[in-house]
Amino acid sequence: MLGVYNPETFTVEHARSAVYALKARLGNGENIAEGLRQQKILKTKRGRAVDDIIAERIEWMKTPVIKPDGEMRPRLESWETTASNLRRFLSPRLGKKLATEVTKHNIATLSNDIVAGKFGVPSTSNARQMRKAASALFNWAAEAGRDYVTASPCVNLPKLDPEHPRTRVLSEEEIRIFWHGLDREDLPWDRRTRLALKFELVTMLRSNELLGAHRNELFDLKGEHPRFDVPLKRVKKRRVIQQPLSNLAVEIIKEALTSDKQQFVFASPLGDQRMNRKVMAVALRGTKHTDGKRKGQTKTPGICALLGLKPFTPHDLRRTSATLAGDLGFDDAWIAKCLDHAASNKGEQVVPSVTGKVYNHSKRMKEKRAVLDGIAAELRRIIGTTAEGRLKMAA
């Protein structure tokens, strides 16, 4: 249809001009019918609501694909975190809105409201995570083949205030209270959860890296060079970690493995399977009631509260170990290797990344073992035990 006749906006002359234009396009070989069909498809795509695109994006993220190690895992392995940010923040405010109608002002206002506490506790971090998830969503929606939007509204947003990094480090007295407190029989948290917390302090590994520890990832536990190989699928940087184990780390593993049949070192109380990745953080802070008259009240007290310690997180245990290593005089580059932090600069010389990936394994293991053995010895001094695990007698 060329148009609807209107003596002011669409006359016979307008229609005649439109016919001549169509004839010219046909004469140039243009497939007008296909063009109209594509316009209709595009119009349908541009009529999708944000919630529809969020649902499709989540399905796309969690679809299993072949990874570099040959295993089938979700396309984006951190999809649950991204999905949570989209559902918690973007969907309630903008979910019913057409994706094409979302503006930079909408995203900036949502971001400001998160910082102001209109979605719970005021949080610049949550606002930053929302922006990251929303930006990825709209960039994905604008890709050729989808064309749900023409461009992302998440550009040139006002800068958020910088977040101050956590600096919590346990003192020697706190380490002593924490270590011995974890051995109390009256704590409401599973023994292997408590051993996992000790293991993080001793090994400097991340919670997700150590909680999935499997028997077949442990080597030479009875020899001179025990180690724990963390597969890349559990590592933040998606690279295999070979972490030397000190004698203190080996003691923890041997206590956690209560039978020859047990495959997971820190097996869940529900069976021989890995624990939930958040179990250590929850154990430290405790849980609260989520409904009823007692909503917000303590349900199970956390280890920090039970031991009278200022709150801290599992990640703070890594920082505490790194601080101990620094105080012992170990090189920052050696400590960074134990933390699995990239260390590309050595003085003024840039070290090629391939050096670390391929040629430097032997040196790296020697340096890491020195640091971790040093931390173990220092922890034994602080908690007052010998290498055989006996409490030191006061002089």
Protein backbone atom coordinates (compact mmCIF):
# COMPACT_ATOMS: atom_id res chain seq x y z
CA MET A 1 0.00 0.00 0.00
CA LEU A 2 1.39 3.40 -1.01
CA GLY A 3 -0.54 5.36 1.57
CA VAL A 4 -3.97 6.62 2.63
CA TYR A 5 -5.41 9.50 0.62
CA ASN A 6 -5.50 12.79 2.49
CA PRO A 7 -6.01 16.12 0.64
CA GLU A 8 -3.41 17.74 2.92
CA THR A 9 -0.76 15.06 3.57
CA PHE A 10 -1.10 12.40 0.82
CA THR A 11 -2.65 13.48 -2.50
CA VAL A 12 -2.87 11.79 -5.91
CA GLU A 13 0.35 13.53 -6.87
CA HIS A 14 2.07 12.03 -3.83
CA ALA A 15 0.84 8.59 -4.86
CA ARG A 16 1.98 9.09 -8.46
CA SER A 17 5.46 10.09 -7.27
CA ALA A 18 5.60 7.02 -5.03
CA VAL A 19 4.70 4.76 -7.99
CA TYR A 20 7.44 6.27 -10.15
CA ALA A 21 9.93 5.75 -7.30
CA LEU A 22 8.91 2.09 -6.95
CA LYS A 23 9.27 1.54 -10.70
CA ALA A 24 12.76 3.02 -10.56
CA ARG A 25 13.76 0.71 -7.70
CA LEU A 26 12.35 -2.31 -9.55
CA GLY A 27 14.23 -1.24 -12.67
CA ASN A 28 17.46 -1.25 -10.64
CA GLY A 29 16.82 -4.88 -9.68
CA GLU A 30 15.78 -4.22 -6.09
CA ASN A 31 13.69 -6.93 -4.42
CA ILE A 32 11.07 -4.68 -2.86
CA ALA A 33 9.05 -7.55 -1.40
CA GLU A 34 12.13 -8.86 0.42
CA GLY A 35 12.94 -5.37 1.63
CA LEU A 36 9.46 -4.96 3.06
CA ARG A 37 9.73 -8.37 4.72
CA GLN A 38 13.03 -7.38 6.36
CA GLN A 39 11.51 -4.12 7.53
CA LYS A 40 8.66 -6.05 9.14
CA ILE A 41 11.12 -8.43 10.86
CA LEU A 42 13.21 -5.51 12.09
CA LYS A 43 10.11 -3.74 13.39
CA THR A 44 9.18 -6.89 15.32
CA LYS A 45 12.69 -7.17 16.77
CA ARG A 46 12.71 -3.53 17.80
CA GLY A 47 9.43 -4.09 19.63
CA ARG A 48 10.93 -6.44 22.24
CA ALA A 49 10.81 -5.63 25.93
CA VAL A 50 13.92 -5.58 28.11
CA ASP A 51 12.67 -8.59 30.12
CA ASP A 52 12.41 -10.65 26.89
CA ILE A 53 15.97 -9.79 25.93
CA ILE A 54 17.22 -10.55 29.46
CA ALA A 55 15.63 -14.02 29.32
CA GLU A 56 17.20 -14.73 25.92
CA ARG A 57 20.58 -13.40 27.06
CA ILE A 58 20.59 -15.66 30.13
CA GLU A 59 19.79 -18.71 28.01
CA TRP A 60 22.62 -17.75 25.66
CA MET A 61 25.10 -17.30 28.52
CA LYS A 62 24.36 -20.62 30.21
CA THR A 63 24.31 -22.71 27.02
CA PRO A 64 27.10 -25.34 27.25
CA VAL A 65 29.97 -25.04 24.77
CA ILE A 66 33.32 -26.80 24.42
CA LYS A 67 36.02 -25.12 26.50
CA PRO A 68 39.82 -25.13 25.88
CA ASP A 69 40.22 -28.13 28.20
CA GLY A 70 37.70 -30.12 26.13
CA GLU A 71 34.88 -29.99 28.70
CA MET A 72 31.35 -28.75 28.01
CA ARG A 73 30.53 -25.82 30.29
CA PRO A 74 28.35 -22.69 30.13
CA ARG A 75 29.36 -20.19 27.45
CA LEU A 76 29.92 -17.62 30.20
CA GLU A 77 30.89 -19.49 33.35
CA SER A 78 30.03 -16.52 35.58
CA TRP A 79 26.55 -16.31 34.04
CA GLU A 80 24.78 -16.71 37.37
CA THR A 81 26.31 -13.51 38.75
CA THR A 82 25.44 -11.58 35.58
CA ALA A 83 21.92 -13.01 35.55
CA SER A 84 21.46 -12.02 39.19
CA ASN A 85 22.46 -8.41 38.47
CA LEU A 86 20.07 -8.23 35.51
CA ARG A 87 17.17 -9.71 37.49
CA ARG A 88 17.78 -7.75 40.71
CA PHE A 89 18.36 -4.32 39.24
CA LEU A 90 17.52 -3.95 35.55
CA SER A 91 14.34 -6.03 35.37
CA PRO A 92 12.33 -4.42 38.21
CA ARG A 93 12.92 -0.91 36.89
CA LEU A 94 13.17 -1.32 33.10
CA GLY A 95 11.91 -4.82 32.36
CA LYS A 96 8.55 -3.81 30.84
CA LYS A 97 10.07 -1.03 28.77
CA LEU A 98 10.87 -1.54 25.06
CA ALA A 99 14.60 -2.10 24.73
CA THR A 100 14.80 0.57 22.03
CA GLU A 101 13.31 3.13 24.42
CA VAL A 102 15.87 2.65 27.20
CA THR A 103 18.05 5.75 27.42
CA LYS A 104 21.34 6.70 28.98
CA HIS A 105 19.33 8.71 31.50
CA ASN A 106 17.41 5.56 32.53
CA ILE A 107 20.64 3.66 33.22
CA ALA A 108 22.24 6.60 35.04
CA THR A 109 19.13 7.07 37.23
CA LEU A 110 19.04 3.37 38.08
CA SER A 111 22.74 3.49 38.93
CA ASN A 112 22.24 6.49 41.23
CA ASP A 113 19.33 4.78 42.98
CA ILE A 114 21.44 1.70 43.70
CA VAL A 115 24.17 3.89 45.18
CA ALA A 116 21.54 5.73 47.24
CA GLY A 117 20.21 2.48 48.73
CA LYS A 118 16.86 2.27 46.97
CA PHE A 119 17.59 -1.39 46.19
CA GLY A 120 18.76 -2.34 49.66
CA VAL A 121 22.08 -1.43 51.22
CA PRO A 122 23.72 1.55 49.45
CA SER A 123 26.41 0.10 47.19
CA THR A 124 28.68 1.63 44.57
CA SER A 125 29.92 -1.88 43.84
CA ASN A 126 26.40 -3.08 42.97
CA ALA A 127 25.90 -0.06 40.72
CA ARG A 128 29.13 -0.85 38.92
CA GLN A 129 28.12 -4.50 38.51
CA MET A 130 24.70 -3.47 37.19
CA ARG A 131 26.30 -1.19 34.61
CA LYS A 132 28.64 -3.96 33.50
CA ALA A 133 25.79 -6.47 33.11
CA ALA A 134 23.54 -3.94 31.34
CA SER A 135 26.30 -2.84 28.96
CA ALA A 136 27.01 -6.46 27.99
CA LEU A 137 23.27 -7.05 27.51
CA PHE A 138 22.70 -4.10 25.17
CA ASN A 139 25.94 -4.65 23.22
CA TRP A 140 24.84 -8.25 22.69
CA ALA A 141 21.33 -7.11 21.70
CA ALA A 142 22.80 -4.72 19.10
CA GLU A 143 24.93 -7.38 17.38
CA ALA A 144 24.20 -8.17 13.75
CA GLY A 145 21.61 -10.93 13.52
CA ARG A 146 19.80 -9.75 16.62
CA ASP A 147 19.38 -6.03 16.00
CA TYR A 148 17.06 -5.65 18.98
CA VAL A 149 18.53 -2.17 19.51
CA THR A 150 20.59 0.10 17.32
CA ALA A 151 23.11 1.04 20.02
CA SER A 152 23.78 0.56 23.72
CA PRO A 153 22.47 3.22 26.12
CA CYS A 154 25.31 2.40 28.54
CA VAL A 155 27.84 4.84 27.05
CA ASN A 156 29.32 8.02 28.51
CA LEU A 157 27.62 7.47 31.85
CA PRO A 158 28.69 9.67 34.78
CA LYS A 159 31.67 8.17 36.57
CA LEU A 160 30.97 6.37 39.82
CA ASP A 161 32.93 7.24 42.93
CA PRO A 162 36.00 5.04 43.35
CA GLU A 163 35.67 2.05 45.67
CA HIS A 164 38.19 1.80 48.43
CA PRO A 165 39.91 -1.61 48.46
CA ARG A 166 39.51 -3.77 51.53
CA THR A 167 42.52 -3.69 53.83
CA ARG A 168 41.42 -6.09 56.58
CA VAL A 169 44.36 -8.14 57.84
CA LEU A 170 44.16 -10.36 60.91
CA SER A 171 46.62 -9.57 63.70
CA GLU A 172 48.70 -12.31 65.31
CA GLU A 173 46.29 -12.42 68.25
CA GLU A 174 43.31 -12.69 65.90
CA ILE A 175 45.01 -15.48 63.94
CA ARG A 176 45.62 -17.36 67.19
CA ILE A 177 42.01 -16.94 68.36
CA PHE A 178 40.67 -17.88 64.91
CA TRP A 179 42.83 -20.97 64.46
CA HIS A 180 42.18 -22.49 67.86
CA GLY A 181 38.56 -21.34 67.84
CA LEU A 182 37.93 -23.36 64.66
CA ASP A 183 38.76 -26.47 66.69
CA ARG A 184 35.94 -25.88 69.18
CA GLU A 185 33.39 -28.66 69.21
CA ASP A 186 30.47 -26.35 69.99
CA LEU A 187 30.60 -24.35 66.74
CA PRO A 188 27.46 -24.83 64.60
CA TRP A 189 29.47 -25.13 61.37
CA ASP A 190 30.68 -28.35 59.73
CA ARG A 191 34.24 -29.43 60.55
CA ARG A 192 35.31 -29.55 56.88
CA THR A 193 34.06 -25.99 56.37
CA ARG A 194 36.30 -24.92 59.23
CA LEU A 195 39.21 -26.88 57.79
CA ALA A 196 38.65 -25.18 54.44
CA LEU A 197 38.99 -21.79 56.16
CA LYS A 198 42.30 -22.91 57.64
CA PHE A 199 43.38 -24.18 54.22
CA GLU A 200 42.75 -20.78 52.60
CA LEU A 201 44.94 -19.07 55.19
CA VAL A 202 47.72 -21.64 54.68
CA THR A 203 47.65 -21.95 50.86
CA MET A 204 46.56 -18.44 49.72
CA LEU A 205 44.12 -20.03 47.25
CA ARG A 206 40.71 -18.56 46.47
CA SER A 207 37.63 -20.18 48.01
CA ASN A 208 36.30 -21.52 44.71
CA GLU A 209 39.69 -22.97 43.83
CA LEU A 210 40.11 -24.97 47.02
CA LEU A 211 36.53 -26.01 47.83
CA GLY A 212 36.39 -28.31 44.82
CA ALA A 213 39.66 -30.03 45.74
CA HIS A 214 39.52 -33.63 44.51
CA ARG A 215 41.71 -36.52 45.54
CA ASN A 216 43.09 -36.88 42.01
CA GLU A 217 44.28 -33.24 42.08
CA LEU A 218 46.68 -33.98 44.95
CA PHE A 219 50.23 -35.23 44.33
CA ASP A 220 53.13 -36.54 46.43
CA LEU A 221 51.41 -35.96 49.78
CA LYS A 222 53.82 -38.38 51.43
CA GLY A 223 56.87 -37.13 49.53
CA GLU A 224 59.13 -34.10 49.57
CA HIS A 225 57.22 -32.02 47.03
CA PRO A 226 53.47 -32.25 47.74
CA ARG A 227 51.30 -30.09 45.55
CA PHE A 228 47.70 -29.34 44.59
CA ASP A 229 46.82 -28.84 40.91
CA VAL A 230 43.75 -26.65 40.49
CA PRO A 231 42.11 -27.19 37.05
CA LEU A 232 41.53 -24.06 34.99
CA LYS A 233 37.73 -24.37 35.18
CA ARG A 234 37.89 -23.36 38.88
CA VAL A 235 40.51 -20.65 38.47
CA LYS A 236 39.56 -17.00 38.11
CA LYS A 237 42.09 -16.42 35.30
CA ARG A 238 41.19 -19.73 33.61
CA ARG A 239 44.69 -21.19 33.87
CA VAL A 240 45.91 -24.24 35.78
CA ILE A 241 47.41 -23.47 39.19
CA GLN A 242 50.10 -25.75 40.59
CA GLN A 243 50.23 -24.83 44.26
CA PRO A 244 52.95 -26.34 46.48
CA LEU A 245 51.64 -27.66 49.77
CA SER A 246 53.39 -26.95 53.07
CA ASN A 247 53.44 -29.58 55.80
CA LEU A 248 50.68 -27.61 57.54
CA ALA A 249 48.50 -27.77 54.41
CA VAL A 250 49.10 -31.52 54.12
CA GLU A 251 48.00 -31.98 57.76
CA ILE A 252 44.72 -30.21 56.99
CA ILE A 253 44.12 -32.38 53.93
CA LYS A 254 44.79 -35.59 55.84
CA GLU A 255 42.31 -34.60 58.54
CA ALA A 256 39.67 -33.67 55.97
CA LEU A 257 40.01 -36.99 54.11
CA THR A 258 38.34 -39.26 56.62
CA SER A 259 38.19 -42.39 54.42
CA ASP A 260 39.91 -43.92 51.39
CA LYS A 261 36.61 -43.76 49.49
CA GLN A 262 36.17 -40.00 49.96
CA GLN A 263 36.97 -38.20 46.69
CA PHE A 264 36.38 -34.53 47.58
CA VAL A 265 38.74 -33.19 50.24
CA PHE A 266 36.22 -30.71 51.64
CA ALA A 267 33.19 -32.87 51.02
CA SER A 268 29.75 -31.52 51.79
CA PRO A 269 27.82 -32.81 54.82
CA LEU A 270 25.22 -33.89 52.25
CA GLY A 271 27.58 -36.40 50.67
CA ASP A 272 30.85 -36.85 48.79
CA GLN A 273 30.45 -33.72 46.68
CA ARG A 274 31.95 -30.27 46.72
CA MET A 275 30.48 -27.68 49.04
CA ASN A 276 28.62 -24.61 47.85
CA ARG A 277 31.10 -21.93 46.77
CA LYS A 278 29.70 -19.45 49.31
CA VAL A 279 29.80 -21.74 52.34
CA MET A 280 32.98 -20.27 53.82
CA ALA A 281 31.75 -16.68 53.61
CA VAL A 282 28.40 -17.68 55.11
CA ALA A 283 30.11 -19.55 57.94
CA LEU A 284 32.14 -16.48 58.85
CA ARG A 285 29.23 -14.01 58.83
CA GLY A 286 26.37 -16.34 59.87
CA THR A 287 22.82 -16.46 58.56
CA LYS A 288 19.64 -14.47 59.23
CA HIS A 289 15.94 -15.29 59.09
CA THR A 290 14.42 -14.21 55.77
CA ASP A 291 10.72 -14.15 56.58
CA GLY A 292 8.16 -13.91 59.35
CA LYS A 293 8.41 -11.85 62.49
CA ARG A 294 12.08 -12.75 62.92
CA LYS A 295 13.14 -11.48 59.47
CA GLY A 296 16.63 -9.96 59.69
CA GLN A 297 17.38 -11.55 63.05
CA THR A 298 20.29 -13.94 63.47
CA LYS A 299 19.45 -17.53 62.58
CA THR A 300 22.88 -19.15 62.91
CA PRO A 301 25.67 -16.99 64.37
CA GLY A 302 28.83 -16.66 62.31
CA ILE A 303 32.27 -17.82 63.36
CA CYS A 304 33.52 -14.23 63.65
CA ALA A 305 30.78 -13.35 66.15
CA LEU A 306 31.15 -16.61 68.07
CA LEU A 307 34.91 -16.03 68.48
CA GLY A 308 34.56 -12.33 69.23
CA LEU A 309 36.45 -11.26 66.11
CA LYS A 310 35.88 -8.17 64.00
CA PRO A 311 34.12 -9.38 60.80
CA PHE A 312 36.26 -10.52 57.90
CA THR A 313 35.84 -12.52 54.68
CA PRO A 314 37.65 -15.56 53.23
CA HIS A 315 39.47 -13.19 50.86
CA ASP A 316 40.87 -11.37 53.90
CA LEU A 317 42.61 -14.63 54.83
CA ARG A 318 44.52 -14.50 51.54
CA ARG A 319 45.48 -10.90 52.28
CA THR A 320 46.59 -11.89 55.78
CA SER A 321 48.85 -14.63 54.39
CA ALA A 322 50.31 -12.26 51.79
CA THR A 323 51.01 -9.74 54.56
CA LEU A 324 52.74 -12.40 56.66
CA ALA A 325 54.88 -13.32 53.64
CA GLY A 326 55.78 -9.68 53.05
CA ASP A 327 56.72 -9.21 56.70
CA LEU A 328 58.97 -12.28 56.38
CA GLY A 329 60.85 -10.50 53.60
CA PHE A 330 59.69 -12.47 50.56
CA ASP A 331 59.76 -10.72 47.20
CA ASP A 332 56.43 -9.22 46.06
CA ALA A 333 56.73 -11.09 42.74
CA TRP A 334 57.01 -14.40 44.59
CA ILE A 335 53.97 -13.56 46.72
CA ALA A 336 52.02 -12.57 43.59
CA LYS A 337 52.70 -16.01 42.11
CA CYS A 338 51.26 -17.69 45.20
CA LEU A 339 48.15 -15.50 44.86
CA ASP A 340 47.92 -16.28 41.13
CA HIS A 341 48.24 -12.60 40.35
CA ALA A 342 49.82 -11.68 37.02
CA ALA A 343 53.32 -10.23 37.47
CA SER A 344 54.42 -9.01 34.05
CA ASN A 345 57.01 -6.45 35.18
CA LYS A 346 60.29 -7.19 36.87
CA GLY A 347 61.96 -3.89 37.68
CA GLU A 348 62.06 -1.95 34.42
CA GLN A 349 62.15 -5.09 32.28
CA VAL A 350 58.93 -6.39 30.76
CA VAL A 351 58.78 -10.18 31.01
CA PRO A 352 57.06 -11.81 27.98
CA SER A 353 53.92 -13.65 29.05
CA VAL A 354 55.07 -16.83 27.29
CA THR A 355 58.01 -16.99 29.71
CA GLY A 356 55.68 -17.47 32.63
CA LYS A 357 53.35 -19.81 30.77
CA VAL A 358 55.88 -22.19 29.26
CA TYR A 359 59.46 -21.84 30.40
CA ASN A 360 59.41 -20.75 34.03
CA HIS A 361 57.54 -23.54 35.82
CA SER A 362 60.48 -24.96 37.78
CA LYS A 363 61.61 -21.59 39.15
CA ARG A 364 58.06 -20.57 39.91
CA MET A 365 57.38 -23.71 41.96
CA LYS A 366 60.60 -23.29 43.93
CA GLU A 367 59.75 -19.68 44.78
CA LYS A 368 56.15 -20.47 45.65
CA ARG A 369 57.18 -23.36 47.88
CA ALA A 370 59.61 -21.11 49.75
CA VAL A 371 56.86 -18.56 50.42
CA LEU A 372 54.23 -21.09 51.49
CA ASP A 373 56.66 -23.02 53.70
CA GLY A 374 57.65 -19.72 55.28
CA ILE A 375 54.00 -18.84 55.97
CA ALA A 376 53.39 -22.27 57.50
CA ALA A 377 56.35 -21.86 59.84
CA GLU A 378 55.18 -18.39 60.84
CA LEU A 379 51.63 -19.64 61.47
CA ARG A 380 52.99 -22.41 63.68
CA ARG A 381 54.91 -19.81 65.66
CA ILE A 382 51.79 -17.66 66.04
CA ILE A 383 49.38 -20.46 66.98
CA GLY A 384 51.99 -22.12 69.16
CA THR A 385 52.35 -25.59 67.62
CA THR A 386 55.29 -27.66 66.47
CA ALA A 387 55.75 -29.22 63.03
CA GLU A 388 54.36 -32.41 64.53
CA GLY A 389 51.16 -30.58 65.45
CA ARG A 390 51.76 -30.53 69.23
CA LEU A 391 51.07 -27.38 71.19
CA LYS A 392 54.29 -25.72 72.31
CA MET A 393 54.76 -25.70 76.06
CA ALA A 394 55.25 -22.28 77.63
CA ALA A 395 58.84 -21.66 78.72
